[in-house]
Amino acid sequence: MANVALPNKNTDTSPSFVYSESAAGAVVKTPIANIVTPTGTQTLTNKTLTSPTITSPTITTGTANGLTIGDTTDTTKKVTFDASGVTTGTTRTLTVPNASGTIALTSDIVAAANTQQFDANGTWTKPAGVTFVEVWAWGGGGGGSTGGGGGGGGGCVVQKFLASALGSTVTVTVGGGGASNTTGSNTTFGSHVTAYGGSVSSGSTNGGGGGGILAAGSVTSGGAPVSATTFANGVGQNFGGGHGSNASTQVGQASVYGGGGGGYGGATGSAGGASVYGGAGGGGANGSAAGGTSLYGGNGGAGVAGGTGVAGTQPGGGGGGGTVGGAGAAGRVIVYSW
């Protein structure tokens, strides 16, 4: 090779070239594509970096889709990081926790269960991200009678909804318990759910009827749907309110979802009817008969001979009979969502 005058290394600022001699003896400056230098700026195309250490990089791509990372064994598997949603001139930082794990999509995240309880009027607000809503509602219990009869318990309604079927807020009205000689009020969850109140046989020795899932109790009759239209001692209702007792040999009728019937206040008196979910009935005055009990609702108040009957407990317990009837308990609404 003939002697060739090479560029001065102190003045040539373009080191990404090789130099060779042409057939005519001239120096040929040929670019070397994609050579990485300590301080220069280069574009790498289809290059493999083995165990590199990259300090404070800003990595972009030539498309609007962001940075794409591919699988080393199957090049059809790719993940793209897209920064298009970041505000112009803003840098967002993603901090990796000190643990290994799997990245989850927002659609994979299940909202935590939420419970909202209302013992008085209020407004239910739908939590974000929930799919289902379950409402438990109890009507107000009937007050005890001044004639001695116990008040009927408020009925219980349990209903489930798709969250999408409900508005962002729902008005909750909690039925008040009845005062002496007064029927309990209904409880509502907007227009979606109504739980009916228990009744009282005002001034009578008879017990008031418990609220059913379709209607409020009335005098000695439980609210609909009743499976027995007349009182039968020991025979309970499923969804209807228990009938109020009209004899000391009969306790107030029991129910599963309806309120228990009030106990009889004459002669030796009788206890209020029990319930599984609804409020229990109040006891009769004579003999100071016990109020009924409930597993999920409120208990009925005991009757008091010659005095004021005991108030029922919330939600929906009927008041005991007395010379002044015990107050029925207010209803309640509990809303579960998940």
C-alpha atoms as a PDB file:
ATOM      1  CA  MET A   1       0.000   0.000   0.000  1.00  0.00           C
ATOM      2  CA  ALA A   2       1.339   3.415  -0.926  1.00  0.00           C
ATOM      3  CA  ASN A   3       1.926   6.034   1.675  1.00  0.00           C
ATOM      4  CA  VAL A   4      -1.338   7.801   2.463  1.00  0.00           C
ATOM      5  CA  ALA A   5      -1.788  11.056   4.300  1.00  0.00           C
ATOM      6  CA  LEU A   6      -4.280  10.307   7.095  1.00  0.00           C
ATOM      7  CA  PRO A   7      -6.346  12.967   8.805  1.00  0.00           C
ATOM      8  CA  ASN A   8      -5.000  14.649  11.898  1.00  0.00           C
ATOM      9  CA  LYS A   9      -6.631  12.979  14.922  1.00  0.00           C
ATOM     10  CA  ASN A  10      -6.694  16.323  16.707  1.00  0.00           C
ATOM     11  CA  THR A  11      -8.714  18.076  14.027  1.00  0.00           C
ATOM     12  CA  ASP A  12     -10.934  15.307  12.662  1.00  0.00           C
ATOM     13  CA  THR A  13     -14.074  15.366  14.812  1.00  0.00           C
ATOM     14  CA  SER A  14     -15.808  12.603  12.877  1.00  0.00           C
ATOM     15  CA  PRO A  15     -14.270   9.358  14.152  1.00  0.00           C
ATOM     16  CA  SER A  16     -17.049   7.149  12.825  1.00  0.00           C
ATOM     17  CA  PHE A  17     -15.187   6.444   9.568  1.00  0.00           C
ATOM     18  CA  VAL A  18     -12.447   4.157   8.284  1.00  0.00           C
ATOM     19  CA  TYR A  19      -9.814   5.369   5.855  1.00  0.00           C
ATOM     20  CA  SER A  20      -8.409   3.413   2.917  1.00  0.00           C
ATOM     21  CA  GLU A  21      -6.482   3.989  -0.281  1.00  0.00           C
ATOM     22  CA  SER A  22      -8.220   4.000  -3.603  1.00  0.00           C
ATOM     23  CA  ALA A  23      -6.704   2.446  -6.724  1.00  0.00           C
ATOM     24  CA  ALA A  24      -5.557   5.912  -7.712  1.00  0.00           C
ATOM     25  CA  GLY A  25      -3.803   6.372  -4.377  1.00  0.00           C
ATOM     26  CA  ALA A  26      -6.333   8.736  -2.883  1.00  0.00           C
ATOM     27  CA  VAL A  27      -7.596   8.552   0.686  1.00  0.00           C
ATOM     28  CA  VAL A  28     -11.157   7.236   0.889  1.00  0.00           C
ATOM     29  CA  LYS A  29     -13.221   8.173   3.937  1.00  0.00           C
ATOM     30  CA  THR A  30     -15.936   5.530   4.448  1.00  0.00           C
ATOM     31  CA  PRO A  31     -18.620   5.814   7.209  1.00  0.00           C
ATOM     32  CA  ILE A  32     -18.991   2.970   9.633  1.00  0.00           C
ATOM     33  CA  ALA A  33     -22.701   2.676  10.342  1.00  0.00           C
ATOM     34  CA  ASN A  34     -23.924   2.750  13.912  1.00  0.00           C
ATOM     35  CA  ILE A  35     -20.622   2.796  15.748  1.00  0.00           C
ATOM     36  CA  VAL A  36     -21.048   3.734  19.429  1.00  0.00           C
ATOM     37  CA  THR A  37     -18.490   6.216  20.699  1.00  0.00           C
ATOM     38  CA  PRO A  38     -17.956   7.500  24.238  1.00  0.00           C
ATOM     39  CA  THR A  39     -19.368  10.978  23.581  1.00  0.00           C
ATOM     40  CA  GLY A  40     -21.010  10.916  20.196  1.00  0.00           C
ATOM     41  CA  THR A  41     -24.708  10.603  19.384  1.00  0.00           C
ATOM     42  CA  GLN A  42     -25.607   7.520  17.363  1.00  0.00           C
ATOM     43  CA  THR A  43     -28.730   5.741  16.243  1.00  0.00           C
ATOM     44  CA  LEU A  44     -28.759   1.980  16.838  1.00  0.00           C
ATOM     45  CA  THR A  45     -30.789  -0.178  14.502  1.00  0.00           C
ATOM     46  CA  ASN A  46     -31.252  -3.922  15.046  1.00  0.00           C
ATOM     47  CA  LYS A  47     -28.415  -4.095  17.543  1.00  0.00           C
ATOM     48  CA  THR A  48     -28.094  -6.489  20.460  1.00  0.00           C
ATOM     49  CA  LEU A  49     -26.746  -5.124  23.749  1.00  0.00           C
ATOM     50  CA  THR A  50     -25.399  -7.831  26.008  1.00  0.00           C
ATOM     51  CA  SER A  51     -25.635  -7.007  29.738  1.00  0.00           C
ATOM     52  CA  PRO A  52     -25.380  -3.249  29.196  1.00  0.00           C
ATOM     53  CA  THR A  53     -25.329  -0.593  31.909  1.00  0.00           C
ATOM     54  CA  ILE A  54     -27.354   2.408  30.733  1.00  0.00           C
ATOM     55  CA  THR A  55     -27.161   5.554  32.838  1.00  0.00           C
ATOM     56  CA  SER A  56     -29.980   8.147  32.805  1.00  0.00           C
ATOM     57  CA  PRO A  57     -31.266   7.370  29.299  1.00  0.00           C
ATOM     58  CA  THR A  58     -34.164   8.954  27.478  1.00  0.00           C
ATOM     59  CA  ILE A  59     -35.414   6.279  25.120  1.00  0.00           C
ATOM     60  CA  THR A  60     -37.817   7.134  22.320  1.00  0.00           C
ATOM     61  CA  THR A  61     -38.909   5.448  19.125  1.00  0.00           C
ATOM     62  CA  GLY A  62     -39.597   6.700  15.681  1.00  0.00           C
ATOM     63  CA  THR A  63     -43.336   6.045  16.002  1.00  0.00           C
ATOM     64  CA  ALA A  64     -46.095   7.440  18.172  1.00  0.00           C
ATOM     65  CA  ASN A  65     -46.554   4.123  19.907  1.00  0.00           C
ATOM     66  CA  GLY A  66     -43.803   4.509  22.479  1.00  0.00           C
ATOM     67  CA  LEU A  67     -41.023   2.143  23.527  1.00  0.00           C
ATOM     68  CA  THR A  68     -41.510  -1.474  22.443  1.00  0.00           C
ATOM     69  CA  ILE A  69     -39.815  -4.399  24.183  1.00  0.00           C
ATOM     70  CA  GLY A  70     -39.842  -7.835  22.555  1.00  0.00           C
ATOM     71  CA  ASP A  71     -39.376 -11.390  23.741  1.00  0.00           C
ATOM     72  CA  THR A  72     -35.908 -12.804  23.015  1.00  0.00           C
ATOM     73  CA  THR A  73     -37.168 -16.180  21.820  1.00  0.00           C
ATOM     74  CA  ASP A  74     -40.435 -15.208  20.141  1.00  0.00           C
ATOM     75  CA  THR A  75     -40.143 -11.853  18.394  1.00  0.00           C
ATOM     76  CA  THR A  76     -43.904 -11.714  17.811  1.00  0.00           C
ATOM     77  CA  LYS A  77     -44.410 -11.123  21.548  1.00  0.00           C
ATOM     78  CA  LYS A  78     -44.078  -7.421  22.290  1.00  0.00           C
ATOM     79  CA  VAL A  79     -44.953  -4.873  24.981  1.00  0.00           C
ATOM     80  CA  THR A  80     -45.227  -1.165  24.196  1.00  0.00           C
ATOM     81  CA  PHE A  81     -44.866   1.621  26.758  1.00  0.00           C
ATOM     82  CA  ASP A  82     -46.886   4.618  25.639  1.00  0.00           C
ATOM     83  CA  ALA A  83     -46.207   8.076  27.122  1.00  0.00           C
ATOM     84  CA  SER A  84     -48.719   9.931  24.940  1.00  0.00           C
ATOM     85  CA  GLY A  85     -51.000  10.560  27.927  1.00  0.00           C
ATOM     86  CA  VAL A  86     -48.338  12.528  29.824  1.00  0.00           C
ATOM     87  CA  THR A  87     -48.727  16.316  29.850  1.00  0.00           C
ATOM     88  CA  THR A  88     -46.284  18.154  27.585  1.00  0.00           C
ATOM     89  CA  GLY A  89     -43.143  19.161  29.436  1.00  0.00           C
ATOM     90  CA  THR A  90     -43.895  16.790  32.303  1.00  0.00           C
ATOM     91  CA  THR A  91     -41.889  13.795  33.542  1.00  0.00           C
ATOM     92  CA  ARG A  92     -43.752  11.048  35.359  1.00  0.00           C
ATOM     93  CA  THR A  93     -41.913   8.627  37.646  1.00  0.00           C
ATOM     94  CA  LEU A  94     -42.875   4.971  38.086  1.00  0.00           C
ATOM     95  CA  THR A  95     -41.342   3.531  41.247  1.00  0.00           C
ATOM     96  CA  VAL A  96     -40.801  -0.226  41.350  1.00  0.00           C
ATOM     97  CA  PRO A  97     -41.463  -1.812  44.775  1.00  0.00           C
ATOM     98  CA  ASN A  98     -38.781  -3.903  46.445  1.00  0.00           C
ATOM     99  CA  ALA A  99     -40.504  -7.137  45.490  1.00  0.00           C
ATOM    100  CA  SER A 100     -41.146  -9.346  42.486  1.00  0.00           C
ATOM    101  CA  GLY A 101     -44.654  -9.671  41.136  1.00  0.00           C
ATOM    102  CA  THR A 102     -47.025  -9.377  38.204  1.00  0.00           C
ATOM    103  CA  ILE A 103     -48.344  -6.134  36.738  1.00  0.00           C
ATOM    104  CA  ALA A 104     -52.156  -6.057  36.937  1.00  0.00           C
ATOM    105  CA  LEU A 105     -54.562  -4.226  34.660  1.00  0.00           C
ATOM    106  CA  THR A 106     -57.110  -1.880  36.199  1.00  0.00           C
ATOM    107  CA  SER A 107     -59.830  -4.215  34.938  1.00  0.00           C
ATOM    108  CA  ASP A 108     -58.297  -6.994  37.049  1.00  0.00           C
ATOM    109  CA  ILE A 109     -58.517  -5.030  40.282  1.00  0.00           C
ATOM    110  CA  VAL A 110     -61.571  -5.906  42.379  1.00  0.00           C
ATOM    111  CA  ALA A 111     -62.976  -3.060  44.431  1.00  0.00           C
ATOM    112  CA  ALA A 112     -62.921  -3.626  48.167  1.00  0.00           C
ATOM    113  CA  ALA A 113     -66.264  -4.514  49.717  1.00  0.00           C
ATOM    114  CA  ASN A 114     -68.089  -1.454  51.001  1.00  0.00           C
ATOM    115  CA  THR A 115     -70.755  -1.280  53.723  1.00  0.00           C
ATOM    116  CA  GLN A 116     -72.979   1.702  54.454  1.00  0.00           C
ATOM    117  CA  GLN A 117     -75.480   1.520  57.321  1.00  0.00           C
ATOM    118  CA  PHE A 118     -78.385   3.910  57.854  1.00  0.00           C
ATOM    119  CA  ASP A 119     -80.169   4.084  61.205  1.00  0.00           C
ATOM    120  CA  ALA A 120     -81.797   7.355  60.168  1.00  0.00           C
ATOM    121  CA  ASN A 121     -82.650   9.072  56.883  1.00  0.00           C
ATOM    122  CA  GLY A 122     -79.715   9.725  54.553  1.00  0.00           C
ATOM    123  CA  THR A 123     -78.271   9.298  51.065  1.00  0.00           C
ATOM    124  CA  TRP A 124     -76.416   6.252  49.799  1.00  0.00           C
ATOM    125  CA  THR A 125     -73.505   6.998  47.467  1.00  0.00           C
ATOM    126  CA  LYS A 126     -72.410   4.288  45.047  1.00  0.00           C
ATOM    127  CA  PRO A 127     -68.698   3.493  45.495  1.00  0.00           C
ATOM    128  CA  ALA A 128     -66.495   3.545  42.398  1.00  0.00           C
ATOM    129  CA  GLY A 129     -65.689   0.256  40.721  1.00  0.00           C
ATOM    130  CA  VAL A 130     -68.363  -1.931  42.312  1.00  0.00           C
ATOM    131  CA  THR A 131     -70.364  -4.485  40.326  1.00  0.00           C
ATOM    132  CA  PHE A 132     -73.016  -5.705  42.762  1.00  0.00           C
ATOM    133  CA  VAL A 133     -75.130  -4.041  45.456  1.00  0.00           C
ATOM    134  CA  GLU A 134     -77.127  -5.863  48.134  1.00  0.00           C
ATOM    135  CA  VAL A 135     -79.677  -3.989  50.224  1.00  0.00           C
ATOM    136  CA  TRP A 136     -81.028  -5.119  53.594  1.00  0.00           C
ATOM    137  CA  ALA A 137     -83.977  -3.072  54.867  1.00  0.00           C
ATOM    138  CA  TRP A 138     -86.231  -3.308  57.936  1.00  0.00           C
ATOM    139  CA  GLY A 139     -89.524  -1.520  58.534  1.00  0.00           C
ATOM    140  CA  GLY A 140     -90.284   0.202  61.834  1.00  0.00           C
ATOM    141  CA  GLY A 141     -91.812  -1.855  64.639  1.00  0.00           C
ATOM    142  CA  GLY A 142     -95.334  -1.174  65.868  1.00  0.00           C
ATOM    143  CA  GLY A 143     -95.802   0.413  69.284  1.00  0.00           C
ATOM    144  CA  GLY A 144     -97.436  -1.482  72.138  1.00  0.00           C
ATOM    145  CA  SER A 145    -101.125  -1.028  72.877  1.00  0.00           C
ATOM    146  CA  THR A 146    -102.561   0.722  75.942  1.00  0.00           C
ATOM    147  CA  GLY A 147    -104.990  -2.201  76.035  1.00  0.00           C
ATOM    148  CA  GLY A 148    -102.011  -4.489  76.672  1.00  0.00           C
ATOM    149  CA  GLY A 149    -101.367  -6.033  73.247  1.00  0.00           C
ATOM    150  CA  GLY A 150     -97.787  -6.089  71.913  1.00  0.00           C
ATOM    151  CA  GLY A 151     -96.797  -4.337  68.693  1.00  0.00           C
ATOM    152  CA  GLY A 152     -95.910  -6.279  65.550  1.00  0.00           C
ATOM    153  CA  GLY A 153     -92.318  -6.302  64.316  1.00  0.00           C
ATOM    154  CA  GLY A 154     -91.181  -4.636  61.083  1.00  0.00           C
ATOM    155  CA  GLY A 155     -90.596  -6.842  58.050  1.00  0.00           C
ATOM    156  CA  CYS A 156     -87.198  -7.398  56.427  1.00  0.00           C
ATOM    157  CA  VAL A 157     -86.422  -7.272  52.704  1.00  0.00           C
ATOM    158  CA  VAL A 158     -83.122  -8.396  51.162  1.00  0.00           C
ATOM    159  CA  GLN A 159     -82.567  -7.534  47.516  1.00  0.00           C
ATOM    160  CA  LYS A 160     -79.537  -7.652  45.207  1.00  0.00           C
ATOM    161  CA  PHE A 161     -78.879  -5.363  42.204  1.00  0.00           C
ATOM    162  CA  LEU A 162     -76.354  -4.847  39.470  1.00  0.00           C
ATOM    163  CA  ALA A 163     -74.574  -1.632  40.408  1.00  0.00           C
ATOM    164  CA  SER A 164     -75.147  -0.336  36.879  1.00  0.00           C
ATOM    165  CA  ALA A 165     -78.918  -0.438  37.517  1.00  0.00           C
ATOM    166  CA  LEU A 166     -78.640   2.105  40.328  1.00  0.00           C
ATOM    167  CA  GLY A 167     -77.907   5.802  40.180  1.00  0.00           C
ATOM    168  CA  SER A 168     -74.818   7.377  41.706  1.00  0.00           C
ATOM    169  CA  THR A 169     -76.892   8.243  44.800  1.00  0.00           C
ATOM    170  CA  VAL A 170     -80.093   6.832  46.308  1.00  0.00           C
ATOM    171  CA  THR A 171     -82.284   8.461  48.955  1.00  0.00           C
ATOM    172  CA  VAL A 172     -82.714   6.327  52.072  1.00  0.00           C
ATOM    173  CA  THR A 173     -85.784   6.784  54.305  1.00  0.00           C
ATOM    174  CA  VAL A 174     -85.708   4.819  57.555  1.00  0.00           C
ATOM    175  CA  GLY A 175     -89.166   4.069  58.945  1.00  0.00           C
ATOM    176  CA  GLY A 176     -89.739   5.262  62.465  1.00  0.00           C
ATOM    177  CA  GLY A 177     -90.931   2.960  65.202  1.00  0.00           C
ATOM    178  CA  GLY A 178     -94.491   3.487  66.363  1.00  0.00           C
ATOM    179  CA  ALA A 179     -95.188   5.238  69.647  1.00  0.00           C
ATOM    180  CA  SER A 180     -97.823   3.870  72.036  1.00  0.00           C
ATOM    181  CA  ASN A 181    -100.905   2.816  70.005  1.00  0.00           C
ATOM    182  CA  THR A 182     -99.114   3.735  66.741  1.00  0.00           C
ATOM    183  CA  THR A 183     -98.121   1.628  63.744  1.00  0.00           C
ATOM    184  CA  GLY A 184     -94.489   1.528  62.598  1.00  0.00           C
ATOM    185  CA  SER A 185     -93.540   3.295  59.341  1.00  0.00           C
ATOM    186  CA  ASN A 186     -92.169   1.816  56.141  1.00  0.00           C
ATOM    187  CA  THR A 187     -88.499   2.014  55.166  1.00  0.00           C
ATOM    188  CA  THR A 188     -87.460   2.747  51.567  1.00  0.00           C
ATOM    189  CA  PHE A 189     -84.284   2.622  49.495  1.00  0.00           C
ATOM    190  CA  GLY A 190     -85.274   5.026  46.734  1.00  0.00           C
ATOM    191  CA  SER A 191     -87.950   3.412  44.577  1.00  0.00           C
ATOM    192  CA  HIS A 192     -86.072   0.110  44.585  1.00  0.00           C
ATOM    193  CA  VAL A 193     -86.855  -1.420  47.985  1.00  0.00           C
ATOM    194  CA  THR A 194     -89.667  -1.034  50.541  1.00  0.00           C
ATOM    195  CA  ALA A 195     -89.650  -2.742  53.946  1.00  0.00           C
ATOM    196  CA  TYR A 196     -93.034  -2.581  55.678  1.00  0.00           C
ATOM    197  CA  GLY A 197     -93.729  -1.612  59.266  1.00  0.00           C
ATOM    198  CA  GLY A 198     -95.447  -3.605  62.023  1.00  0.00           C
ATOM    199  CA  SER A 199     -98.924  -2.777  63.289  1.00  0.00           C
ATOM    200  CA  VAL A 200    -100.698  -2.333  66.640  1.00  0.00           C
ATOM    201  CA  SER A 201    -104.216  -3.136  67.801  1.00  0.00           C
ATOM    202  CA  SER A 202    -104.721   0.304  69.304  1.00  0.00           C
ATOM    203  CA  GLY A 203    -106.271   0.139  72.781  1.00  0.00           C
ATOM    204  CA  SER A 204    -106.842  -3.598  72.415  1.00  0.00           C
ATOM    205  CA  THR A 205    -105.599  -6.672  74.235  1.00  0.00           C
ATOM    206  CA  ASN A 206    -104.833  -8.245  70.853  1.00  0.00           C
ATOM    207  CA  GLY A 207    -101.339  -8.180  69.409  1.00  0.00           C
ATOM    208  CA  GLY A 208    -100.475  -6.225  66.266  1.00  0.00           C
ATOM    209  CA  GLY A 209     -99.571  -7.933  62.985  1.00  0.00           C
ATOM    210  CA  GLY A 210     -95.977  -7.985  61.767  1.00  0.00           C
ATOM    211  CA  GLY A 211     -94.938  -6.352  58.504  1.00  0.00           C
ATOM    212  CA  GLY A 212     -94.652  -8.643  55.462  1.00  0.00           C
ATOM    213  CA  ILE A 213     -92.438  -8.228  52.414  1.00  0.00           C
ATOM    214  CA  LEU A 214     -95.390  -6.996  50.336  1.00  0.00           C
ATOM    215  CA  ALA A 215     -97.533  -5.073  52.825  1.00  0.00           C
ATOM    216  CA  ALA A 216     -97.601  -3.615  56.324  1.00  0.00           C
ATOM    217  CA  GLY A 217     -99.203  -5.456  59.202  1.00  0.00           C
ATOM    218  CA  SER A 218    -102.758  -4.504  60.232  1.00  0.00           C
ATOM    219  CA  VAL A 219    -104.484  -4.908  63.607  1.00  0.00           C
ATOM    220  CA  THR A 220    -104.055  -8.641  64.340  1.00  0.00           C
ATOM    221  CA  SER A 221    -103.162  -9.666  60.770  1.00  0.00           C
ATOM    222  CA  GLY A 222     -99.649  -9.982  59.424  1.00  0.00           C
ATOM    223  CA  GLY A 223     -98.766  -8.195  56.193  1.00  0.00           C
ATOM    224  CA  ALA A 224     -98.868 -10.052  52.868  1.00  0.00           C
ATOM    225  CA  PRO A 225     -97.994 -12.546  51.583  1.00  0.00           C
ATOM    226  CA  VAL A 226     -99.406 -14.670  54.406  1.00  0.00           C
ATOM    227  CA  SER A 227     -99.608 -18.429  54.038  1.00  0.00           C
ATOM    228  CA  ALA A 228    -102.337 -18.737  56.685  1.00  0.00           C
ATOM    229  CA  THR A 229    -105.060 -16.099  56.777  1.00  0.00           C
ATOM    230  CA  THR A 230    -106.072 -16.925  60.328  1.00  0.00           C
ATOM    231  CA  PHE A 231    -103.904 -17.266  63.396  1.00  0.00           C
ATOM    232  CA  ALA A 232    -102.621 -20.760  64.090  1.00  0.00           C
ATOM    233  CA  ASN A 233    -100.491 -21.178  67.175  1.00  0.00           C
ATOM    234  CA  GLY A 234     -97.028 -22.514  66.356  1.00  0.00           C
ATOM    235  CA  VAL A 235     -97.483 -22.069  62.592  1.00  0.00           C
ATOM    236  CA  GLY A 236     -95.132 -19.425  61.249  1.00  0.00           C
ATOM    237  CA  GLN A 237     -94.988 -17.397  58.070  1.00  0.00           C
ATOM    238  CA  ASN A 238     -92.194 -17.408  55.491  1.00  0.00           C
ATOM    239  CA  PHE A 239     -92.418 -13.982  53.850  1.00  0.00           C
ATOM    240  CA  GLY A 240     -95.600 -12.615  55.387  1.00  0.00           C
ATOM    241  CA  GLY A 241     -95.819 -10.913  58.768  1.00  0.00           C
ATOM    242  CA  GLY A 242     -96.805 -12.959  61.798  1.00  0.00           C
ATOM    243  CA  HIS A 243    -100.373 -12.538  63.002  1.00  0.00           C
ATOM    244  CA  GLY A 244    -100.892 -10.837  66.354  1.00  0.00           C
ATOM    245  CA  SER A 245    -102.147 -13.082  69.160  1.00  0.00           C
ATOM    246  CA  ASN A 246    -105.790 -12.851  70.268  1.00  0.00           C
ATOM    247  CA  ALA A 247    -105.638 -15.288  73.144  1.00  0.00           C
ATOM    248  CA  SER A 248    -103.324 -15.911  76.081  1.00  0.00           C
ATOM    249  CA  THR A 249    -102.843 -19.478  74.922  1.00  0.00           C
ATOM    250  CA  GLN A 250    -101.260 -18.225  71.708  1.00  0.00           C
ATOM    251  CA  VAL A 251     -97.916 -16.492  71.350  1.00  0.00           C
ATOM    252  CA  GLY A 252     -97.527 -13.967  68.568  1.00  0.00           C
ATOM    253  CA  GLN A 253     -97.016 -15.770  65.287  1.00  0.00           C
ATOM    254  CA  ALA A 254     -93.427 -16.213  64.072  1.00  0.00           C
ATOM    255  CA  SER A 255     -92.042 -15.451  60.610  1.00  0.00           C
ATOM    256  CA  VAL A 256     -88.846 -15.909  58.629  1.00  0.00           C
ATOM    257  CA  TYR A 257     -88.629 -12.562  56.769  1.00  0.00           C
ATOM    258  CA  GLY A 258     -91.763 -10.877  58.085  1.00  0.00           C
ATOM    259  CA  GLY A 259     -92.044  -9.248  61.489  1.00  0.00           C
ATOM    260  CA  GLY A 260     -93.224 -11.360  64.409  1.00  0.00           C
ATOM    261  CA  GLY A 261     -96.792 -10.823  65.638  1.00  0.00           C
ATOM    262  CA  GLY A 262     -97.471  -9.022  68.893  1.00  0.00           C
ATOM    263  CA  GLY A 263     -98.399 -10.974  72.032  1.00  0.00           C
ATOM    264  CA  TYR A 264    -101.833 -10.999  73.703  1.00  0.00           C
ATOM    265  CA  GLY A 265    -102.278  -8.536  76.552  1.00  0.00           C
ATOM    266  CA  GLY A 266    -105.341  -9.930  78.328  1.00  0.00           C
ATOM    267  CA  ALA A 267    -105.782 -12.733  80.874  1.00  0.00           C
ATOM    268  CA  THR A 268    -102.322 -14.123  81.584  1.00  0.00           C
ATOM    269  CA  GLY A 269    -100.822 -12.540  78.475  1.00  0.00           C
ATOM    270  CA  SER A 270     -98.589 -14.153  75.846  1.00  0.00           C
ATOM    271  CA  ALA A 271     -95.133 -13.559  74.371  1.00  0.00           C
ATOM    272  CA  GLY A 272     -94.425 -11.765  71.133  1.00  0.00           C
ATOM    273  CA  GLY A 273     -93.687 -13.713  67.961  1.00  0.00           C
ATOM    274  CA  ALA A 274     -90.112 -14.466  66.872  1.00  0.00           C
ATOM    275  CA  SER A 275     -88.515 -13.789  63.481  1.00  0.00           C
ATOM    276  CA  VAL A 276     -85.346 -14.865  61.723  1.00  0.00           C
ATOM    277  CA  TYR A 277     -84.701 -11.714  59.651  1.00  0.00           C
ATOM    278  CA  GLY A 278     -87.535  -9.327  60.565  1.00  0.00           C
ATOM    279  CA  GLY A 279     -88.164  -7.519  63.837  1.00  0.00           C
ATOM    280  CA  ALA A 280     -89.800  -9.603  66.580  1.00  0.00           C
ATOM    281  CA  GLY A 281     -93.189  -8.804  68.150  1.00  0.00           C
ATOM    282  CA  GLY A 282     -93.703  -7.152  71.537  1.00  0.00           C
ATOM    283  CA  GLY A 283     -95.052  -9.101  74.509  1.00  0.00           C
ATOM    284  CA  GLY A 284     -98.488  -8.705  76.076  1.00  0.00           C
ATOM    285  CA  ALA A 285     -98.967  -6.643  79.255  1.00  0.00           C
ATOM    286  CA  ASN A 286    -100.653  -9.140  81.575  1.00  0.00           C
ATOM    287  CA  GLY A 287     -98.105 -11.442  83.069  1.00  0.00           C
ATOM    288  CA  SER A 288     -95.447  -9.036  81.736  1.00  0.00           C
ATOM    289  CA  ALA A 289     -94.955 -11.438  78.835  1.00  0.00           C
ATOM    290  CA  ALA A 290     -91.601 -11.484  77.066  1.00  0.00           C
ATOM    291  CA  GLY A 291     -91.020  -9.951  73.683  1.00  0.00           C
ATOM    292  CA  GLY A 292     -90.078 -12.184  70.784  1.00  0.00           C
ATOM    293  CA  THR A 293     -86.476 -12.583  69.605  1.00  0.00           C
ATOM    294  CA  SER A 294     -84.907 -12.198  66.170  1.00  0.00           C
ATOM    295  CA  LEU A 295     -81.664 -13.512  64.738  1.00  0.00           C
ATOM    296  CA  TYR A 296     -80.951 -10.576  62.387  1.00  0.00           C
ATOM    297  CA  GLY A 297     -83.630  -8.013  63.296  1.00  0.00           C
ATOM    298  CA  GLY A 298     -84.465  -6.284  66.580  1.00  0.00           C
ATOM    299  CA  ASN A 299     -86.099  -7.983  69.541  1.00  0.00           C
ATOM    300  CA  GLY A 300     -89.598  -7.193  70.765  1.00  0.00           C
ATOM    301  CA  GLY A 301     -90.034  -5.345  74.049  1.00  0.00           C
ATOM    302  CA  ALA A 302     -91.606  -7.096  77.014  1.00  0.00           C
ATOM    303  CA  GLY A 303     -95.112  -6.230  78.181  1.00  0.00           C
ATOM    304  CA  VAL A 304     -95.506  -4.576  81.582  1.00  0.00           C
ATOM    305  CA  ALA A 305     -98.629  -5.110  83.688  1.00  0.00           C
ATOM    306  CA  GLY A 306     -99.799  -1.792  85.135  1.00  0.00           C
ATOM    307  CA  GLY A 307     -96.936   0.198  83.615  1.00  0.00           C
ATOM    308  CA  THR A 308     -95.202   1.304  80.403  1.00  0.00           C
ATOM    309  CA  GLY A 309     -94.267  -1.473  78.033  1.00  0.00           C
ATOM    310  CA  VAL A 310     -90.608  -1.998  77.140  1.00  0.00           C
ATOM    311  CA  ALA A 311     -89.478  -0.525  73.829  1.00  0.00           C
ATOM    312  CA  GLY A 312     -88.411  -2.826  71.013  1.00  0.00           C
ATOM    313  CA  THR A 313     -84.803  -2.821  69.823  1.00  0.00           C
ATOM    314  CA  GLN A 314     -83.563  -1.658  66.430  1.00  0.00           C
ATOM    315  CA  PRO A 315     -84.126  -2.669  63.720  1.00  0.00           C
ATOM    316  CA  GLY A 316     -87.868  -3.135  63.743  1.00  0.00           C
ATOM    317  CA  GLY A 317     -88.646  -4.671  67.120  1.00  0.00           C
ATOM    318  CA  GLY A 318     -92.258  -4.214  68.299  1.00  0.00           C
ATOM    319  CA  GLY A 319     -93.031  -2.463  71.597  1.00  0.00           C
ATOM    320  CA  GLY A 320     -94.449  -4.281  74.608  1.00  0.00           C
ATOM    321  CA  GLY A 321     -98.019  -3.693  75.783  1.00  0.00           C
ATOM    322  CA  GLY A 322     -98.862  -1.776  78.964  1.00  0.00           C
ATOM    323  CA  THR A 323    -101.001   0.987  80.354  1.00  0.00           C
ATOM    324  CA  VAL A 324     -98.724   2.968  78.069  1.00  0.00           C
ATOM    325  CA  GLY A 325     -97.455   0.970  75.152  1.00  0.00           C
ATOM    326  CA  GLY A 326     -93.727   0.612  74.668  1.00  0.00           C
ATOM    327  CA  ALA A 327     -92.287   2.257  71.559  1.00  0.00           C
ATOM    328  CA  GLY A 328     -91.572   0.206  68.489  1.00  0.00           C
ATOM    329  CA  ALA A 329     -87.990   0.452  67.197  1.00  0.00           C
ATOM    330  CA  ALA A 330     -86.978   2.294  64.036  1.00  0.00           C
ATOM    331  CA  GLY A 331     -86.074   0.362  60.936  1.00  0.00           C
ATOM    332  CA  ARG A 332     -82.641   0.218  59.321  1.00  0.00           C
ATOM    333  CA  VAL A 333     -80.938  -0.004  55.928  1.00  0.00           C
ATOM    334  CA  ILE A 334     -77.591  -1.702  55.302  1.00  0.00           C
ATOM    335  CA  VAL A 335     -76.104  -1.540  51.807  1.00  0.00           C
ATOM    336  CA  TYR A 336     -73.271  -3.893  50.822  1.00  0.00           C
ATOM    337  CA  SER A 337     -71.434  -3.311  47.543  1.00  0.00           C
ATOM    338  CA  TRP A 338     -68.487  -5.016  45.899  1.00  0.00           C
END
